[in-house]
Protein backbone atom coordinates (compact mmCIF):
# COMPACT_ATOMS: atom_id res chain seq x y z
CA MET A 1 104.78 77.75 177.48
CA ARG A 2 106.54 79.52 174.77
CA ALA A 3 106.36 76.91 172.33
CA MET A 4 103.01 76.52 172.83
CA LEU A 5 102.12 80.31 172.22
CA ALA A 6 104.26 80.32 169.34
CA ALA A 7 102.33 77.31 167.66
CA PHE A 8 98.76 79.52 168.52
CA ALA A 9 100.55 82.64 166.41
CA ALA A 10 101.67 80.37 163.76
CA ILE A 11 98.06 78.79 163.36
CA VAL A 12 96.65 82.29 163.56
CA VAL A 13 99.36 83.58 161.19
CA ILE A 14 98.68 80.41 158.65
CA SER A 15 94.71 80.32 158.85
CA ILE A 16 95.11 84.11 157.76
CA GLY A 17 97.48 83.88 154.93
CA ALA A 18 95.56 80.51 153.67
CA SER A 19 92.25 82.60 153.66
CA GLU A 20 93.77 85.40 151.77
CA PHE A 21 95.28 83.07 149.28
CA LEU A 22 92.00 81.18 148.80
CA ASP A 23 90.28 84.18 148.33
CA ARG A 24 92.55 85.86 145.69
CA ALA A 25 92.89 82.27 143.76
CA GLY A 26 89.01 81.95 143.21
CA PHE A 27 88.48 79.70 145.76
CA SER A 28 86.08 81.35 148.52
CA SER A 29 82.84 79.71 149.15
CA ALA A 30 80.89 82.52 147.50
CA GLU A 31 82.64 81.79 144.11
CA GLN A 32 82.41 78.23 144.81
CA ALA A 33 78.73 77.75 145.60
CA SER A 34 77.37 80.07 143.17
CA SER A 35 75.46 79.09 139.64
CA SER A 36 72.64 80.13 137.80
CA SER A 37 70.25 79.25 140.29
CA VAL A 38 72.18 80.77 143.43
CA ARG A 39 71.68 84.46 144.02
CA LEU A 40 74.73 85.52 146.59
CA GLY A 41 74.72 89.23 147.11
CA GLU A 42 71.07 90.29 146.34
């Protein structure tokens, strides 16, 4: 049971860390999907 909870905690930490890293590296979905014909944020 303890190993399963530790794995769940690791999944949460890894997913949050990956999300932050990809946002800062410019791989967010908004930046990848935007072009001259896409109006995001308006």
